C-alpha atoms as a PDB file:
ATOM      1  CA  MET A   1       3.619 -11.492   6.041  1.00  0.00           C
ATOM      2  CA  GLY A   2       7.138 -11.576   7.463  1.00  0.00           C
ATOM      3  CA  GLY A   3       8.458  -9.000   9.852  1.00  0.00           C
ATOM      4  CA  VAL A   4      10.925  -6.231   9.249  1.00  0.00           C
ATOM      5  CA  ARG A   5      14.283  -6.724  10.935  1.00  0.00           C
ATOM      6  CA  GLY A   6      16.560  -4.035  12.266  1.00  0.00           C
ATOM      7  CA  ASP A   7      19.495  -3.562  14.607  1.00  0.00           C
ATOM      8  CA  GLY A   8      18.504  -2.545  18.083  1.00  0.00           C
ATOM      9  CA  ARG A   9      20.540  -0.797  20.685  1.00  0.00           C
ATOM     10  CA  LYS A  10      23.624  -2.597  21.923  1.00  0.00           C
ATOM     11  CA  GLY A  11      23.590  -4.872  18.872  1.00  0.00           C
ATOM     12  CA  LYS A  12      20.424  -6.730  19.890  1.00  0.00           C
ATOM     13  CA  PRO A  13      18.246  -7.603  16.882  1.00  0.00           C
ATOM     14  CA  MET A  14      14.765  -6.106  16.678  1.00  0.00           C
ATOM     15  CA  GLN A  15      11.867  -7.312  14.595  1.00  0.00           C
ATOM     16  CA  PHE A  16       8.752  -5.359  13.683  1.00  0.00           C
ATOM     17  CA  ARG A  17       5.413  -6.633  12.383  1.00  0.00           C
ATOM     18  CA  ASP A  18       5.581  -4.241   9.460  1.00  0.00           C
ATOM     19  CA  ARG A  19       7.161  -0.999   8.276  1.00  0.00           C
ATOM     20  CA  ALA A  20       4.505   1.132   9.956  1.00  0.00           C
ATOM     21  CA  GLU A  21       5.379  -0.359  13.341  1.00  0.00           C
ATOM     22  CA  ALA A  22       9.076   0.313  12.651  1.00  0.00           C
ATOM     23  CA  GLY A  23       8.184   3.925  11.838  1.00  0.00           C
ATOM     24  CA  ARG A  24       6.214   4.319  15.069  1.00  0.00           C
ATOM     25  CA  GLU A  25       9.136   2.931  17.076  1.00  0.00           C
ATOM     26  CA  LEU A  26      11.585   5.338  15.457  1.00  0.00           C
ATOM     27  CA  ALA A  27       9.090   8.188  15.833  1.00  0.00           C
ATOM     28  CA  GLU A  28       8.978   7.630  19.606  1.00  0.00           C
ATOM     29  CA  GLN A  29      12.733   8.093  19.825  1.00  0.00           C
ATOM     30  CA  LEU A  30      12.662  11.167  17.588  1.00  0.00           C
ATOM     31  CA  ARG A  31       9.735  12.656  19.519  1.00  0.00           C
ATOM     32  CA  VAL A  32      11.858  12.685  22.684  1.00  0.00           C
ATOM     33  CA  ARG A  33      14.472  14.720  20.822  1.00  0.00           C
ATOM     34  CA  GLN A  34      11.814  17.015  19.422  1.00  0.00           C
ATOM     35  CA  ASP A  35      10.424  17.642  22.913  1.00  0.00           C
ATOM     36  CA  LYS A  36      13.932  18.595  24.089  1.00  0.00           C
ATOM     37  CA  GLY A  37      14.212  21.144  21.275  1.00  0.00           C
ATOM     38  CA  ILE A  38      16.852  19.191  19.339  1.00  0.00           C
ATOM     39  CA  LEU A  39      14.501  18.848  16.319  1.00  0.00           C
ATOM     40  CA  PRO A  40      12.625  22.178  16.256  1.00  0.00           C
ATOM     41  CA  HIS A  41      11.403  22.059  12.618  1.00  0.00           C
ATOM     42  CA  PRO A  42      11.760  18.521  11.240  1.00  0.00           C
ATOM     43  CA  VAL A  43      11.036  17.602   7.637  1.00  0.00           C
ATOM     44  CA  VAL A  44      10.673  13.904   6.860  1.00  0.00           C
ATOM     45  CA  LEU A  45      11.976  12.583   3.532  1.00  0.00           C
ATOM     46  CA  ALA A  46      11.124   9.096   2.292  1.00  0.00           C
ATOM     47  CA  LEU A  47      12.403   6.770  -0.398  1.00  0.00           C
ATOM     48  CA  PRO A  48       9.794   4.676  -2.247  1.00  0.00           C
ATOM     49  CA  ARG A  49       9.553   0.886  -1.873  1.00  0.00           C
ATOM     50  CA  GLY A  50       9.249   0.678   1.869  1.00  0.00           C
ATOM     51  CA  GLY A  51      10.471   4.004   3.133  1.00  0.00           C
ATOM     52  CA  VAL A  52       7.173   5.813   2.670  1.00  0.00           C
ATOM     53  CA  ALA A  53       5.331   3.606   5.169  1.00  0.00           C
ATOM     54  CA  VAL A  54       8.036   4.235   7.778  1.00  0.00           C
ATOM     55  CA  ALA A  55       8.239   7.962   7.048  1.00  0.00           C
ATOM     56  CA  ARG A  56       4.455   8.430   7.159  1.00  0.00           C
ATOM     57  CA  GLU A  57       4.363   7.293  10.783  1.00  0.00           C
ATOM     58  CA  ILE A  58       7.311   9.510  11.695  1.00  0.00           C
ATOM     59  CA  ALA A  59       5.819  12.584  10.021  1.00  0.00           C
ATOM     60  CA  ARG A  60       2.478  11.982  11.723  1.00  0.00           C
ATOM     61  CA  ALA A  61       4.041  11.639  15.186  1.00  0.00           C
ATOM     62  CA  LEU A  62       6.288  14.689  14.775  1.00  0.00           C
ATOM     63  CA  ARG A  63       3.584  16.721  12.995  1.00  0.00           C
ATOM     64  CA  ALA A  64       6.157  17.333  10.304  1.00  0.00           C
ATOM     65  CA  PRO A  65       5.819  17.725   6.538  1.00  0.00           C
ATOM     66  CA  LEU A  66       6.516  14.604   4.508  1.00  0.00           C
ATOM     67  CA  ASP A  67       8.043  14.474   1.048  1.00  0.00           C
ATOM     68  CA  VAL A  68       9.165  11.612  -1.174  1.00  0.00           C
ATOM     69  CA  LEU A  69      12.527  11.476  -2.944  1.00  0.00           C
ATOM     70  CA  VAL A  70      12.353   9.564  -6.188  1.00  0.00           C
ATOM     71  CA  VAL A  71      15.723   8.142  -7.166  1.00  0.00           C
ATOM     72  CA  ARG A  72      16.766   5.952 -10.022  1.00  0.00           C
ATOM     73  CA  LYS A  73      19.005   2.948  -9.594  1.00  0.00           C
ATOM     74  CA  ILE A  74      21.970   2.933 -11.923  1.00  0.00           C
ATOM     75  CA  GLY A  75      23.173  -0.594 -12.545  1.00  0.00           C
ATOM     76  CA  ALA A  76      26.802  -1.585 -12.556  1.00  0.00           C
ATOM     77  CA  ARG A  77      27.559  -3.940 -15.468  1.00  0.00           C
ATOM     78  CA  SER A  78      30.340  -5.738 -13.654  1.00  0.00           C
ATOM     79  CA  MET A  79      28.114  -6.489 -10.647  1.00  0.00           C
ATOM     80  CA  ARG A  80      24.511  -7.096 -11.696  1.00  0.00           C
ATOM     81  CA  SER A  81      23.204  -7.561  -8.156  1.00  0.00           C
ATOM     82  CA  SER A  82      24.719  -4.260  -7.109  1.00  0.00           C
ATOM     83  CA  GLY A  83      23.915  -0.748  -8.111  1.00  0.00           C
ATOM     84  CA  SER A  84      24.316   2.855  -7.168  1.00  0.00           C
ATOM     85  CA  ALA A  85      21.842   5.680  -7.059  1.00  0.00           C
ATOM     86  CA  ARG A  86      21.946   9.300  -8.007  1.00  0.00           C
ATOM     87  CA  SER A  87      19.567  12.014  -6.994  1.00  0.00           C
ATOM     88  CA  ARG A  88      19.095  15.286  -8.762  1.00  0.00           C
ATOM     89  CA  ALA A  89      16.872  18.053  -7.505  1.00  0.00           C
ATOM     90  CA  THR A  90      15.663  20.344 -10.255  1.00  0.00           C
ATOM     91  CA  GLY A  91      12.936  22.722  -9.264  1.00  0.00           C
ATOM     92  CA  LEU A  92      11.157  20.342  -6.920  1.00  0.00           C
ATOM     93  CA  ARG A  93       8.438  21.610  -4.650  1.00  0.00           C
ATOM     94  CA  SER A  94       8.315  20.117  -1.198  1.00  0.00           C
ATOM     95  CA  SER A  95       5.300  20.014   1.055  1.00  0.00           C
ATOM     96  CA  THR A  96       6.805  22.963   2.943  1.00  0.00           C
ATOM     97  CA  SER A  97       6.359  25.104  -0.203  1.00  0.00           C
ATOM     98  CA  ARG A  98      10.044  25.965  -0.340  1.00  0.00           C
ATOM     99  CA  ARG A  99      11.625  25.664  -3.755  1.00  0.00           C
ATOM    100  CA  CYS A 100      14.629  23.381  -4.072  1.00  0.00           C
ATOM    101  CA  SER A 101      17.060  23.503  -6.941  1.00  0.00           C
ATOM    102  CA  GLY A 102      20.447  22.198  -7.849  1.00  0.00           C
ATOM    103  CA  SER A 103      22.039  19.174  -9.406  1.00  0.00           C
ATOM    104  CA  GLY A 104      23.756  16.185  -8.005  1.00  0.00           C
END
């Protein structure tokens, strides 16, 4: 299985074995901020198709609730390889038991 690539600090490329490793690396950086009080009550939101594996590691490290945002890709006829997304929250329940509502 190929690695996951990302941009490191100072423009140096980084490569991870998998998405979970990328999540653990990001979680380490966020944990420092949490320990300083910059992130007192984090909530981790993930997008399906890759984002959940990253977010799971972050939520675990920060001991934060994790929720998944399901979005639908809206294709653009003039550019088939491109698309845009729209999210709409309508009475969703997050793992923090707060009720979200609205439209987007």
